[in-house]
């Protein structure tokens, strides 16, 4: 479906004035015809004027249906007896065929996004259960918004590439660039966008681990890398955006940006993963402490040997090393013991 832009129809004000003048003229003719008929009797001119004025007064309002007002960043897709005739995109006061009908299949659909706030109406859950759709009590506007909007999809529980369940949420910034595709290529472009966001998110998240893991290839080049959901959020967001864009191209939608708004382990494994992270941090800290302690012991022995402060045999060196390591690597402050006797 090719989009056709209608231009040169910004004559709504002139048509409105003409209709109002025609109504005034019809009412005047009606009054004059009635008075003339009462004074002079029935005549062809009086009957014709009376008939035409009554017809226009009864049916002239139909021309008012052709008046369309568009604000900036709005569009109106028009069909005439089921045939697509074009789209009004520029702001202004238009007059079109009164029998033209504006088409917007998503006028009743209210997603959890900016610009889609419903004051009244119920909430209906979609088939996948991941996104709420508000259906207002009225039919809504038939105009399409061309503004940039942000879709906040609800959090989803997805298994990463290691099988760990994680909860993730995204915010997708989007806009309509082709009104004909958005209206005619899909049944409801808002629901379509929400479903494709969910699908693309699952597709991308399954490629990455939550945190850096060995022997995991996230780029598809056959080489293990350090990509992860937590550490490579910018790259992951870019891949999510590209994946969604491929899926909504036929709906005339442009994905401006996609961002991760929430990322965490699922509650059922969050405590275990926290213990794992704490254990890893403790091991790293212990390793650093031991490396530092060994260096300090080595330096102490070298300094004692260089200054000839004391001569120690191998057995006493081993005892000194053991004591220093206990002091430097212990969890608590050491309690000193003074030896008042002989060293040997």
C-alpha atoms as a PDB file:
ATOM      1  CA  UNK A   1       0.000   0.000   0.000  1.00  0.00           C
ATOM      2  CA  UNK A   2       1.525   3.297  -1.143  1.00  0.00           C
ATOM      3  CA  UNK A   3       0.863   6.438   0.848  1.00  0.00           C
ATOM      4  CA  UNK A   4      -0.741   9.315  -1.092  1.00  0.00           C
ATOM      5  CA  UNK A   5      -0.481  12.798   0.382  1.00  0.00           C
ATOM      6  CA  UNK A   6      -3.460  15.063  -0.349  1.00  0.00           C
ATOM      7  CA  UNK A   7      -2.554  18.727  -0.785  1.00  0.00           C
ATOM      8  CA  UNK A   8      -4.322  21.868  -1.998  1.00  0.00           C
ATOM      9  CA  UNK A   9      -7.515  21.217   0.004  1.00  0.00           C
ATOM     10  CA  UNK A  10      -7.042  23.912   2.655  1.00  0.00           C
ATOM     11  CA  UNK A  11     -10.249  25.720   1.730  1.00  0.00           C
ATOM     12  CA  UNK A  12     -12.303  24.728   4.735  1.00  0.00           C
ATOM     13  CA  UNK A  13     -12.940  28.283   5.930  1.00  0.00           C
ATOM     14  CA  UNK A  14     -14.201  29.411   2.518  1.00  0.00           C
ATOM     15  CA  UNK A  15     -16.513  26.417   2.257  1.00  0.00           C
ATOM     16  CA  UNK A  16     -17.793  26.957   5.799  1.00  0.00           C
ATOM     17  CA  UNK A  17     -18.656  30.595   5.027  1.00  0.00           C
ATOM     18  CA  UNK A  18     -20.323  29.534   1.783  1.00  0.00           C
ATOM     19  CA  UNK A  19     -22.461  26.969   3.617  1.00  0.00           C
ATOM     20  CA  UNK A  20     -23.501  29.516   6.242  1.00  0.00           C
ATOM     21  CA  UNK A  21     -24.403  32.064   3.540  1.00  0.00           C
ATOM     22  CA  UNK A  22     -26.330  29.378   1.678  1.00  0.00           C
ATOM     23  CA  UNK A  23     -28.283  28.582   4.841  1.00  0.00           C
ATOM     24  CA  UNK A  24     -29.101  32.262   5.322  1.00  0.00           C
ATOM     25  CA  UNK A  25     -30.208  32.511   1.703  1.00  0.00           C
ATOM     26  CA  UNK A  26     -32.292  29.331   1.957  1.00  0.00           C
ATOM     27  CA  UNK A  27     -34.054  30.576   5.084  1.00  0.00           C
ATOM     28  CA  UNK A  28     -34.706  33.948   3.422  1.00  0.00           C
ATOM     29  CA  UNK A  29     -36.097  32.252   0.303  1.00  0.00           C
ATOM     30  CA  UNK A  30     -38.268  30.022   2.486  1.00  0.00           C
ATOM     31  CA  UNK A  31     -39.737  33.016   4.325  1.00  0.00           C
ATOM     32  CA  UNK A  32     -40.281  35.005   1.116  1.00  0.00           C
ATOM     33  CA  UNK A  33     -41.894  32.010  -0.623  1.00  0.00           C
ATOM     34  CA  UNK A  34     -44.299  31.451   2.276  1.00  0.00           C
ATOM     35  CA  UNK A  35     -45.275  35.130   2.404  1.00  0.00           C
ATOM     36  CA  UNK A  36     -45.685  35.332  -1.377  1.00  0.00           C
ATOM     37  CA  UNK A  37     -47.825  32.231  -1.430  1.00  0.00           C
ATOM     38  CA  UNK A  38     -50.149  33.621   1.223  1.00  0.00           C
ATOM     39  CA  UNK A  39     -50.478  36.969  -0.565  1.00  0.00           C
ATOM     40  CA  UNK A  40     -50.519  35.998  -4.260  1.00  0.00           C
ATOM     41  CA  UNK A  41     -51.529  32.382  -4.154  1.00  0.00           C
ATOM     42  CA  UNK A  42     -49.757  29.336  -5.445  1.00  0.00           C
ATOM     43  CA  UNK A  43     -47.274  29.730  -8.290  1.00  0.00           C
ATOM     44  CA  UNK A  44     -44.536  27.628  -9.853  1.00  0.00           C
ATOM     45  CA  UNK A  45     -41.764  29.984  -8.678  1.00  0.00           C
ATOM     46  CA  UNK A  46     -43.012  30.031  -5.122  1.00  0.00           C
ATOM     47  CA  UNK A  47     -43.373  26.251  -5.017  1.00  0.00           C
ATOM     48  CA  UNK A  48     -39.906  25.710  -6.532  1.00  0.00           C
ATOM     49  CA  UNK A  49     -38.226  28.168  -4.156  1.00  0.00           C
ATOM     50  CA  UNK A  50     -40.035  26.699  -1.174  1.00  0.00           C
ATOM     51  CA  UNK A  51     -39.093  23.155  -2.172  1.00  0.00           C
ATOM     52  CA  UNK A  52     -35.402  23.930  -2.810  1.00  0.00           C
ATOM     53  CA  UNK A  53     -35.014  25.894   0.406  1.00  0.00           C
ATOM     54  CA  UNK A  54     -36.589  23.083   2.459  1.00  0.00           C
ATOM     55  CA  UNK A  55     -34.356  20.497   0.798  1.00  0.00           C
ATOM     56  CA  UNK A  56     -31.209  22.531   1.416  1.00  0.00           C
ATOM     57  CA  UNK A  57     -32.115  23.303   5.016  1.00  0.00           C
ATOM     58  CA  UNK A  58     -32.787  19.588   5.627  1.00  0.00           C
ATOM     59  CA  UNK A  59     -29.729  18.189   3.849  1.00  0.00           C
ATOM     60  CA  UNK A  60     -27.235  21.043   3.741  1.00  0.00           C
ATOM     61  CA  UNK A  61     -25.589  19.843   6.959  1.00  0.00           C
ATOM     62  CA  UNK A  62     -24.084  16.975   4.944  1.00  0.00           C
ATOM     63  CA  UNK A  63     -21.528  19.390   3.475  1.00  0.00           C
ATOM     64  CA  UNK A  64     -20.363  20.168   7.013  1.00  0.00           C
ATOM     65  CA  UNK A  65     -19.146  16.573   7.289  1.00  0.00           C
ATOM     66  CA  UNK A  66     -16.441  17.375   4.743  1.00  0.00           C
ATOM     67  CA  UNK A  67     -14.792  19.945   7.011  1.00  0.00           C
ATOM     68  CA  UNK A  68     -11.645  18.581   8.671  1.00  0.00           C
ATOM     69  CA  UNK A  69      -9.313  20.346  11.106  1.00  0.00           C
ATOM     70  CA  UNK A  70      -5.769  19.030  11.604  1.00  0.00           C
ATOM     71  CA  UNK A  71      -3.341  20.186  14.271  1.00  0.00           C
ATOM     72  CA  UNK A  72       0.451  19.966  13.908  1.00  0.00           C
ATOM     73  CA  UNK A  73       1.811  16.403  13.875  1.00  0.00           C
ATOM     74  CA  UNK A  74      -1.567  14.882  13.013  1.00  0.00           C
ATOM     75  CA  UNK A  75      -2.691  12.911   9.978  1.00  0.00           C
ATOM     76  CA  UNK A  76      -6.037  11.706   8.639  1.00  0.00           C
ATOM     77  CA  UNK A  77      -6.332   8.664   6.370  1.00  0.00           C
ATOM     78  CA  UNK A  78      -9.399   9.013   4.121  1.00  0.00           C
ATOM     79  CA  UNK A  79     -11.392   6.327   2.328  1.00  0.00           C
ATOM     80  CA  UNK A  80     -14.343   6.772  -0.008  1.00  0.00           C
ATOM     81  CA  UNK A  81     -16.738   3.821  -0.055  1.00  0.00           C
ATOM     82  CA  UNK A  82     -13.912   1.511   1.001  1.00  0.00           C
ATOM     83  CA  UNK A  83     -11.290   2.887  -1.385  1.00  0.00           C
ATOM     84  CA  UNK A  84      -8.199   4.630  -0.078  1.00  0.00           C
ATOM     85  CA  UNK A  85      -8.013   8.106  -1.610  1.00  0.00           C
ATOM     86  CA  UNK A  86      -5.188   9.748   0.341  1.00  0.00           C
ATOM     87  CA  UNK A  87      -3.838  11.154   3.588  1.00  0.00           C
ATOM     88  CA  UNK A  88      -4.013  14.675   5.006  1.00  0.00           C
ATOM     89  CA  UNK A  89      -0.818  15.464   6.890  1.00  0.00           C
ATOM     90  CA  UNK A  90      -0.302  19.218   7.096  1.00  0.00           C
ATOM     91  CA  UNK A  91      -2.067  21.214   9.773  1.00  0.00           C
ATOM     92  CA  UNK A  92      -4.943  23.367   8.565  1.00  0.00           C
ATOM     93  CA  UNK A  93      -8.681  23.604   7.848  1.00  0.00           C
ATOM     94  CA  UNK A  94      -9.672  21.261   5.001  1.00  0.00           C
ATOM     95  CA  UNK A  95     -12.755  20.497   2.981  1.00  0.00           C
ATOM     96  CA  UNK A  96     -12.972  17.041   1.417  1.00  0.00           C
ATOM     97  CA  UNK A  97     -15.726  14.894  -0.017  1.00  0.00           C
ATOM     98  CA  UNK A  98     -18.403  14.729   2.712  1.00  0.00           C
ATOM     99  CA  UNK A  99     -18.719  10.980   2.183  1.00  0.00           C
ATOM    100  CA  UNK A 100     -15.040  10.372   2.936  1.00  0.00           C
ATOM    101  CA  UNK A 101     -14.401   8.488   6.174  1.00  0.00           C
ATOM    102  CA  UNK A 102     -11.317   8.729   8.373  1.00  0.00           C
ATOM    103  CA  UNK A 103      -9.741   5.357   9.228  1.00  0.00           C
ATOM    104  CA  UNK A 104      -7.800   4.613  12.398  1.00  0.00           C
ATOM    105  CA  UNK A 105      -8.179   0.998  13.612  1.00  0.00           C
ATOM    106  CA  UNK A 106      -6.169   1.766  16.768  1.00  0.00           C
ATOM    107  CA  UNK A 107      -8.305   4.706  17.875  1.00  0.00           C
ATOM    108  CA  UNK A 108      -9.784   2.701  20.767  1.00  0.00           C
ATOM    109  CA  UNK A 109      -6.527   1.077  21.834  1.00  0.00           C
ATOM    110  CA  UNK A 110      -4.734   2.678  24.753  1.00  0.00           C
ATOM    111  CA  UNK A 111      -1.307   1.298  25.574  1.00  0.00           C
ATOM    112  CA  UNK A 112       0.807   2.113  28.620  1.00  0.00           C
ATOM    113  CA  UNK A 113       2.641   4.867  26.820  1.00  0.00           C
ATOM    114  CA  UNK A 114       2.927   8.607  26.609  1.00  0.00           C
ATOM    115  CA  UNK A 115       0.062  10.267  24.780  1.00  0.00           C
ATOM    116  CA  UNK A 116      -2.305   7.363  25.423  1.00  0.00           C
ATOM    117  CA  UNK A 117      -4.027   8.221  28.682  1.00  0.00           C
ATOM    118  CA  UNK A 118      -7.581   6.973  29.018  1.00  0.00           C
ATOM    119  CA  UNK A 119      -9.846   8.781  31.463  1.00  0.00           C
ATOM    120  CA  UNK A 120     -12.555   6.128  31.376  1.00  0.00           C
ATOM    121  CA  UNK A 121     -13.052   2.613  30.189  1.00  0.00           C
ATOM    122  CA  UNK A 122     -12.057  -0.873  31.180  1.00  0.00           C
ATOM    123  CA  UNK A 123      -8.777  -2.721  30.939  1.00  0.00           C
ATOM    124  CA  UNK A 124      -8.476  -5.758  28.711  1.00  0.00           C
ATOM    125  CA  UNK A 125      -5.463  -8.067  28.811  1.00  0.00           C
ATOM    126  CA  UNK A 126      -3.825  -9.033  25.557  1.00  0.00           C
ATOM    127  CA  UNK A 127      -3.290 -12.608  24.508  1.00  0.00           C
ATOM    128  CA  UNK A 128       0.309 -12.764  25.723  1.00  0.00           C
ATOM    129  CA  UNK A 129      -0.588 -11.200  29.056  1.00  0.00           C
ATOM    130  CA  UNK A 130       2.402  -8.875  28.977  1.00  0.00           C
ATOM    131  CA  UNK A 131       0.750  -5.617  28.037  1.00  0.00           C
ATOM    132  CA  UNK A 132      -2.432  -3.908  29.175  1.00  0.00           C
ATOM    133  CA  UNK A 133      -4.712  -2.392  26.570  1.00  0.00           C
ATOM    134  CA  UNK A 134      -7.227   0.228  27.629  1.00  0.00           C
ATOM    135  CA  UNK A 135     -10.428   0.460  25.603  1.00  0.00           C
ATOM    136  CA  UNK A 136     -12.227   3.734  26.056  1.00  0.00           C
ATOM    137  CA  UNK A 137     -15.970   4.070  26.055  1.00  0.00           C
ATOM    138  CA  UNK A 138     -16.107   6.233  22.926  1.00  0.00           C
ATOM    139  CA  UNK A 139     -14.786   5.624  19.444  1.00  0.00           C
ATOM    140  CA  UNK A 140     -11.854   7.991  19.884  1.00  0.00           C
ATOM    141  CA  UNK A 141     -10.345  10.201  17.252  1.00  0.00           C
ATOM    142  CA  UNK A 142      -9.890   8.973  13.707  1.00  0.00           C
ATOM    143  CA  UNK A 143      -6.726  11.051  13.391  1.00  0.00           C
ATOM    144  CA  UNK A 144      -3.286   9.477  13.624  1.00  0.00           C
ATOM    145  CA  UNK A 145      -0.635  11.070  15.799  1.00  0.00           C
ATOM    146  CA  UNK A 146       2.707  11.587  14.053  1.00  0.00           C
ATOM    147  CA  UNK A 147       4.415  12.608  17.293  1.00  0.00           C
ATOM    148  CA  UNK A 148       7.227  10.629  18.875  1.00  0.00           C
ATOM    149  CA  UNK A 149       5.753   8.395  21.579  1.00  0.00           C
ATOM    150  CA  UNK A 150       7.280   6.100  24.176  1.00  0.00           C
ATOM    151  CA  UNK A 151       5.937   2.611  24.770  1.00  0.00           C
ATOM    152  CA  UNK A 152       6.710   1.252  28.252  1.00  0.00           C
ATOM    153  CA  UNK A 153       6.292  -2.469  27.920  1.00  0.00           C
ATOM    154  CA  UNK A 154       5.738  -4.266  31.205  1.00  0.00           C
ATOM    155  CA  UNK A 155       8.510  -6.374  32.736  1.00  0.00           C
ATOM    156  CA  UNK A 156       8.995  -9.839  31.303  1.00  0.00           C
ATOM    157  CA  UNK A 157      10.562 -12.938  32.759  1.00  0.00           C
ATOM    158  CA  UNK A 158      12.982 -14.411  30.205  1.00  0.00           C
ATOM    159  CA  UNK A 159      15.698 -17.062  30.429  1.00  0.00           C
ATOM    160  CA  UNK A 160      19.136 -15.821  29.405  1.00  0.00           C
ATOM    161  CA  UNK A 161      21.565 -17.922  27.371  1.00  0.00           C
ATOM    162  CA  UNK A 162      22.608 -19.848  30.518  1.00  0.00           C
ATOM    163  CA  UNK A 163      19.022 -20.649  31.442  1.00  0.00           C
ATOM    164  CA  UNK A 164      18.840 -18.219  34.353  1.00  0.00           C
ATOM    165  CA  UNK A 165      15.452 -16.446  34.585  1.00  0.00           C
ATOM    166  CA  UNK A 166      15.788 -12.662  34.533  1.00  0.00           C
ATOM    167  CA  UNK A 167      13.222  -9.884  34.637  1.00  0.00           C
ATOM    168  CA  UNK A 168      13.682  -7.131  32.077  1.00  0.00           C
ATOM    169  CA  UNK A 169      11.683  -4.120  30.933  1.00  0.00           C
ATOM    170  CA  UNK A 170      12.243  -1.767  27.989  1.00  0.00           C
ATOM    171  CA  UNK A 171      11.042   1.637  26.831  1.00  0.00           C
ATOM    172  CA  UNK A 172      10.629   1.969  23.065  1.00  0.00           C
ATOM    173  CA  UNK A 173      10.449   5.388  21.411  1.00  0.00           C
ATOM    174  CA  UNK A 174       8.544   5.243  18.117  1.00  0.00           C
ATOM    175  CA  UNK A 175       6.516   7.192  15.569  1.00  0.00           C
ATOM    176  CA  UNK A 176       4.447   6.618  12.422  1.00  0.00           C
ATOM    177  CA  UNK A 177       6.207   7.435   9.155  1.00  0.00           C
ATOM    178  CA  UNK A 178       3.808   5.805   6.658  1.00  0.00           C
ATOM    179  CA  UNK A 179       0.135   6.227   7.512  1.00  0.00           C
ATOM    180  CA  UNK A 180      -1.151   3.940   4.768  1.00  0.00           C
ATOM    181  CA  UNK A 181       0.965   0.998   5.959  1.00  0.00           C
ATOM    182  CA  UNK A 182       0.062   1.641   9.585  1.00  0.00           C
ATOM    183  CA  UNK A 183      -3.680   1.610   8.844  1.00  0.00           C
ATOM    184  CA  UNK A 184      -4.026  -1.003   6.102  1.00  0.00           C
ATOM    185  CA  UNK A 185      -1.076  -3.428   6.438  1.00  0.00           C
ATOM    186  CA  UNK A 186      -1.838  -4.502  10.014  1.00  0.00           C
ATOM    187  CA  UNK A 187      -5.058  -4.894  11.938  1.00  0.00           C
ATOM    188  CA  UNK A 188      -4.036  -2.659  14.866  1.00  0.00           C
ATOM    189  CA  UNK A 189      -0.630  -1.015  14.688  1.00  0.00           C
ATOM    190  CA  UNK A 190      -0.411  -0.327  18.438  1.00  0.00           C
ATOM    191  CA  UNK A 191      -1.084  -3.911  19.460  1.00  0.00           C
ATOM    192  CA  UNK A 192       1.187  -5.067  16.648  1.00  0.00           C
ATOM    193  CA  UNK A 193       4.019  -2.879  17.939  1.00  0.00           C
ATOM    194  CA  UNK A 194       3.585  -4.093  21.511  1.00  0.00           C
ATOM    195  CA  UNK A 195       3.638  -7.748  20.493  1.00  0.00           C
ATOM    196  CA  UNK A 196       6.685  -7.289  18.278  1.00  0.00           C
ATOM    197  CA  UNK A 197       8.520  -5.516  21.110  1.00  0.00           C
ATOM    198  CA  UNK A 198       7.872  -8.505  23.376  1.00  0.00           C
ATOM    199  CA  UNK A 199       8.996 -10.972  20.720  1.00  0.00           C
ATOM    200  CA  UNK A 200      12.155  -9.049  19.797  1.00  0.00           C
ATOM    201  CA  UNK A 201      13.078  -8.612  23.455  1.00  0.00           C
ATOM    202  CA  UNK A 202      12.876 -12.353  24.060  1.00  0.00           C
ATOM    203  CA  UNK A 203      14.887 -13.055  20.917  1.00  0.00           C
ATOM    204  CA  UNK A 204      17.772 -10.787  21.957  1.00  0.00           C
ATOM    205  CA  UNK A 205      17.863 -11.557  25.688  1.00  0.00           C
ATOM    206  CA  UNK A 206      18.251 -15.286  25.006  1.00  0.00           C
ATOM    207  CA  UNK A 207      21.575 -14.542  23.290  1.00  0.00           C
ATOM    208  CA  UNK A 208      23.243 -12.900  26.302  1.00  0.00           C
ATOM    209  CA  UNK A 209      24.043 -14.029  29.844  1.00  0.00           C
ATOM    210  CA  UNK A 210      23.021 -11.788  32.703  1.00  0.00           C
ATOM    211  CA  UNK A 211      26.640 -11.296  33.717  1.00  0.00           C
ATOM    212  CA  UNK A 212      29.949 -12.075  32.022  1.00  0.00           C
ATOM    213  CA  UNK A 213      30.324 -15.846  31.576  1.00  0.00           C
ATOM    214  CA  UNK A 214      33.141 -17.897  29.982  1.00  0.00           C
ATOM    215  CA  UNK A 215      32.765 -19.627  26.622  1.00  0.00           C
ATOM    216  CA  UNK A 216      29.708 -17.600  25.549  1.00  0.00           C
ATOM    217  CA  UNK A 217      29.480 -16.169  22.032  1.00  0.00           C
ATOM    218  CA  UNK A 218      27.002 -13.265  21.883  1.00  0.00           C
ATOM    219  CA  UNK A 219      28.022 -11.844  18.490  1.00  0.00           C
ATOM    220  CA  UNK A 220      27.686 -14.972  16.379  1.00  0.00           C
ATOM    221  CA  UNK A 221      31.293 -14.927  15.109  1.00  0.00           C
ATOM    222  CA  UNK A 222      32.194 -18.181  16.821  1.00  0.00           C
ATOM    223  CA  UNK A 223      34.524 -16.511  19.333  1.00  0.00           C
ATOM    224  CA  UNK A 224      33.700 -16.230  23.017  1.00  0.00           C
ATOM    225  CA  UNK A 225      33.388 -12.658  24.241  1.00  0.00           C
ATOM    226  CA  UNK A 226      32.527 -10.702  27.375  1.00  0.00           C
ATOM    227  CA  UNK A 227      29.086  -9.484  26.315  1.00  0.00           C
ATOM    228  CA  UNK A 228      26.360  -9.500  28.957  1.00  0.00           C
ATOM    229  CA  UNK A 229      23.010  -7.895  29.711  1.00  0.00           C
ATOM    230  CA  UNK A 230      24.414  -6.016  32.688  1.00  0.00           C
ATOM    231  CA  UNK A 231      27.737  -4.962  31.223  1.00  0.00           C
ATOM    232  CA  UNK A 232      26.754  -4.344  27.583  1.00  0.00           C
ATOM    233  CA  UNK A 233      23.433  -2.554  28.026  1.00  0.00           C
ATOM    234  CA  UNK A 234      24.093  -0.073  25.185  1.00  0.00           C
ATOM    235  CA  UNK A 235      24.879  -2.841  22.688  1.00  0.00           C
ATOM    236  CA  UNK A 236      21.922  -4.927  23.852  1.00  0.00           C
ATOM    237  CA  UNK A 237      19.570  -1.938  23.534  1.00  0.00           C
ATOM    238  CA  UNK A 238      20.829  -1.258  20.005  1.00  0.00           C
ATOM    239  CA  UNK A 239      20.242  -4.874  18.983  1.00  0.00           C
ATOM    240  CA  UNK A 240      16.747  -4.768  20.482  1.00  0.00           C
ATOM    241  CA  UNK A 241      15.989  -1.595  18.513  1.00  0.00           C
ATOM    242  CA  UNK A 242      17.221  -3.116  15.237  1.00  0.00           C
ATOM    243  CA  UNK A 243      15.283  -6.317  15.851  1.00  0.00           C
ATOM    244  CA  UNK A 244      12.033  -4.422  16.516  1.00  0.00           C
ATOM    245  CA  UNK A 245      12.580  -2.187  13.478  1.00  0.00           C
ATOM    246  CA  UNK A 246      12.839  -5.207  11.178  1.00  0.00           C
ATOM    247  CA  UNK A 247       9.583  -6.569  12.528  1.00  0.00           C
ATOM    248  CA  UNK A 248       7.528  -3.344  12.271  1.00  0.00           C
ATOM    249  CA  UNK A 249       8.832  -2.104   8.912  1.00  0.00           C
ATOM    250  CA  UNK A 250       5.685  -3.282   7.136  1.00  0.00           C
ATOM    251  CA  UNK A 251       3.520  -1.366   9.605  1.00  0.00           C
ATOM    252  CA  UNK A 252       5.033   1.995   8.619  1.00  0.00           C
ATOM    253  CA  UNK A 253       6.563   2.527  12.076  1.00  0.00           C
ATOM    254  CA  UNK A 254      10.029   3.895  12.821  1.00  0.00           C
ATOM    255  CA  UNK A 255      11.757   2.854  16.041  1.00  0.00           C
ATOM    256  CA  UNK A 256      13.703   5.878  17.232  1.00  0.00           C
ATOM    257  CA  UNK A 257      15.278   4.313  20.311  1.00  0.00           C
ATOM    258  CA  UNK A 258      15.007   1.368  22.685  1.00  0.00           C
ATOM    259  CA  UNK A 259      16.315   1.451  26.238  1.00  0.00           C
ATOM    260  CA  UNK A 260      16.458  -1.083  29.073  1.00  0.00           C
ATOM    261  CA  UNK A 261      14.552   0.363  32.029  1.00  0.00           C
ATOM    262  CA  UNK A 262      14.713  -2.585  34.436  1.00  0.00           C
ATOM    263  CA  UNK A 263      17.039  -5.575  34.735  1.00  0.00           C
ATOM    264  CA  UNK A 264      17.302  -8.047  37.607  1.00  0.00           C
ATOM    265  CA  UNK A 265      17.342 -11.751  38.368  1.00  0.00           C
ATOM    266  CA  UNK A 266      13.941 -13.325  38.849  1.00  0.00           C
ATOM    267  CA  UNK A 267      12.860 -13.508  42.530  1.00  0.00           C
ATOM    268  CA  UNK A 268      13.174 -17.297  42.710  1.00  0.00           C
ATOM    269  CA  UNK A 269      16.936 -17.201  42.065  1.00  0.00           C
ATOM    270  CA  UNK A 270      17.788 -13.675  43.178  1.00  0.00           C
ATOM    271  CA  UNK A 271      18.892 -14.790  46.683  1.00  0.00           C
ATOM    272  CA  UNK A 272      21.076 -17.595  45.306  1.00  0.00           C
ATOM    273  CA  UNK A 273      22.681 -15.305  42.735  1.00  0.00           C
ATOM    274  CA  UNK A 274      23.318 -12.712  45.447  1.00  0.00           C
ATOM    275  CA  UNK A 275      25.156 -15.341  47.512  1.00  0.00           C
ATOM    276  CA  UNK A 276      27.129 -16.292  44.421  1.00  0.00           C
ATOM    277  CA  UNK A 277      28.118 -12.678  43.807  1.00  0.00           C
ATOM    278  CA  UNK A 278      29.053 -12.257  47.459  1.00  0.00           C
ATOM    279  CA  UNK A 279      31.166 -15.417  47.367  1.00  0.00           C
ATOM    280  CA  UNK A 280      32.897 -14.215  44.219  1.00  0.00           C
ATOM    281  CA  UNK A 281      33.594 -10.852  45.834  1.00  0.00           C
ATOM    282  CA  UNK A 282      34.969 -12.538  48.978  1.00  0.00           C
ATOM    283  CA  UNK A 283      37.242 -14.764  46.911  1.00  0.00           C
ATOM    284  CA  UNK A 284      38.558 -11.793  44.944  1.00  0.00           C
ATOM    285  CA  UNK A 285      39.150  -9.859  48.163  1.00  0.00           C
ATOM    286  CA  UNK A 286      40.945 -12.811  49.779  1.00  0.00           C
ATOM    287  CA  UNK A 287      43.106 -13.227  46.729  1.00  0.00           C
ATOM    288  CA  UNK A 288      44.116  -9.581  46.891  1.00  0.00           C
ATOM    289  CA  UNK A 289      44.831  -9.839  50.614  1.00  0.00           C
ATOM    290  CA  UNK A 290      47.004 -12.939  50.160  1.00  0.00           C
ATOM    291  CA  UNK A 291      48.949 -11.375  47.288  1.00  0.00           C
ATOM    292  CA  UNK A 292      49.583  -8.294  49.386  1.00  0.00           C
ATOM    293  CA  UNK A 293      50.556 -10.339  52.469  1.00  0.00           C
ATOM    294  CA  UNK A 294      53.047 -12.466  50.522  1.00  0.00           C
ATOM    295  CA  UNK A 295      54.615  -9.333  49.109  1.00  0.00           C
ATOM    296  CA  UNK A 296      54.910  -7.773  52.571  1.00  0.00           C
ATOM    297  CA  UNK A 297      56.491 -10.938  54.050  1.00  0.00           C
ATOM    298  CA  UNK A 298      58.940 -11.113  51.182  1.00  0.00           C
ATOM    299  CA  UNK A 299      59.869  -7.470  51.658  1.00  0.00           C
ATOM    300  CA  UNK A 300      60.297  -7.941  55.431  1.00  0.00           C
ATOM    301  CA  UNK A 301      62.668 -10.874  54.975  1.00  0.00           C
ATOM    302  CA  UNK A 302      64.683  -8.999  52.357  1.00  0.00           C
ATOM    303  CA  UNK A 303      64.991  -5.889  54.553  1.00  0.00           C
ATOM    304  CA  UNK A 304      66.038  -7.942  57.587  1.00  0.00           C
ATOM    305  CA  UNK A 305      68.682  -9.700  55.495  1.00  0.00           C
ATOM    306  CA  UNK A 306      70.012  -6.469  53.982  1.00  0.00           C
ATOM    307  CA  UNK A 307      70.315  -4.654  57.343  1.00  0.00           C
ATOM    308  CA  UNK A 308      71.731  -7.725  59.145  1.00  0.00           C
ATOM    309  CA  UNK A 309      69.281  -7.058  61.957  1.00  0.00           C
ATOM    310  CA  UNK A 310      68.997 -10.724  62.862  1.00  0.00           C
ATOM    311  CA  UNK A 311      70.191 -14.001  61.430  1.00  0.00           C
ATOM    312  CA  UNK A 312      67.407 -16.541  61.012  1.00  0.00           C
ATOM    313  CA  UNK A 313      67.680 -20.154  59.989  1.00  0.00           C
ATOM    314  CA  UNK A 314      65.142 -21.765  57.677  1.00  0.00           C
ATOM    315  CA  UNK A 315      63.013 -23.045  60.529  1.00  0.00           C
ATOM    316  CA  UNK A 316      62.736 -19.598  62.139  1.00  0.00           C
ATOM    317  CA  UNK A 317      62.063 -18.002  58.773  1.00  0.00           C
ATOM    318  CA  UNK A 318      59.193 -20.430  58.264  1.00  0.00           C
ATOM    319  CA  UNK A 319      57.793 -19.607  61.693  1.00  0.00           C
ATOM    320  CA  UNK A 320      58.095 -15.879  61.000  1.00  0.00           C
ATOM    321  CA  UNK A 321      56.377 -16.240  57.646  1.00  0.00           C
ATOM    322  CA  UNK A 322      53.564 -18.227  59.240  1.00  0.00           C
ATOM    323  CA  UNK A 323      53.046 -15.642  61.958  1.00  0.00           C
ATOM    324  CA  UNK A 324      53.089 -12.709  59.541  1.00  0.00           C
ATOM    325  CA  UNK A 325      50.597 -14.397  57.220  1.00  0.00           C
ATOM    326  CA  UNK A 326      48.271 -15.126  60.139  1.00  0.00           C
ATOM    327  CA  UNK A 327      48.452 -11.494  61.212  1.00  0.00           C
ATOM    328  CA  UNK A 328      48.021 -10.030  57.714  1.00  0.00           C
ATOM    329  CA  UNK A 329      45.358 -12.446  56.445  1.00  0.00           C
ATOM    330  CA  UNK A 330      43.257 -12.781  59.588  1.00  0.00           C
ATOM    331  CA  UNK A 331      39.667 -11.549  59.797  1.00  0.00           C
ATOM    332  CA  UNK A 332      40.215  -9.890  63.195  1.00  0.00           C
ATOM    333  CA  UNK A 333      42.887  -7.782  64.768  1.00  0.00           C
ATOM    334  CA  UNK A 334      45.663  -9.966  66.224  1.00  0.00           C
ATOM    335  CA  UNK A 335      46.254 -10.256  69.959  1.00  0.00           C
ATOM    336  CA  UNK A 336      49.989  -9.772  70.566  1.00  0.00           C
ATOM    337  CA  UNK A 337      51.907 -12.211  72.831  1.00  0.00           C
ATOM    338  CA  UNK A 338      55.227 -11.001  74.242  1.00  0.00           C
ATOM    339  CA  UNK A 339      57.884 -13.688  74.634  1.00  0.00           C
ATOM    340  CA  UNK A 340      60.013 -12.722  77.634  1.00  0.00           C
ATOM    341  CA  UNK A 341      62.262 -15.733  77.397  1.00  0.00           C
ATOM    342  CA  UNK A 342      64.888 -16.791  74.950  1.00  0.00           C
ATOM    343  CA  UNK A 343      64.080 -16.934  71.254  1.00  0.00           C
ATOM    344  CA  UNK A 344      65.520 -20.450  71.113  1.00  0.00           C
END
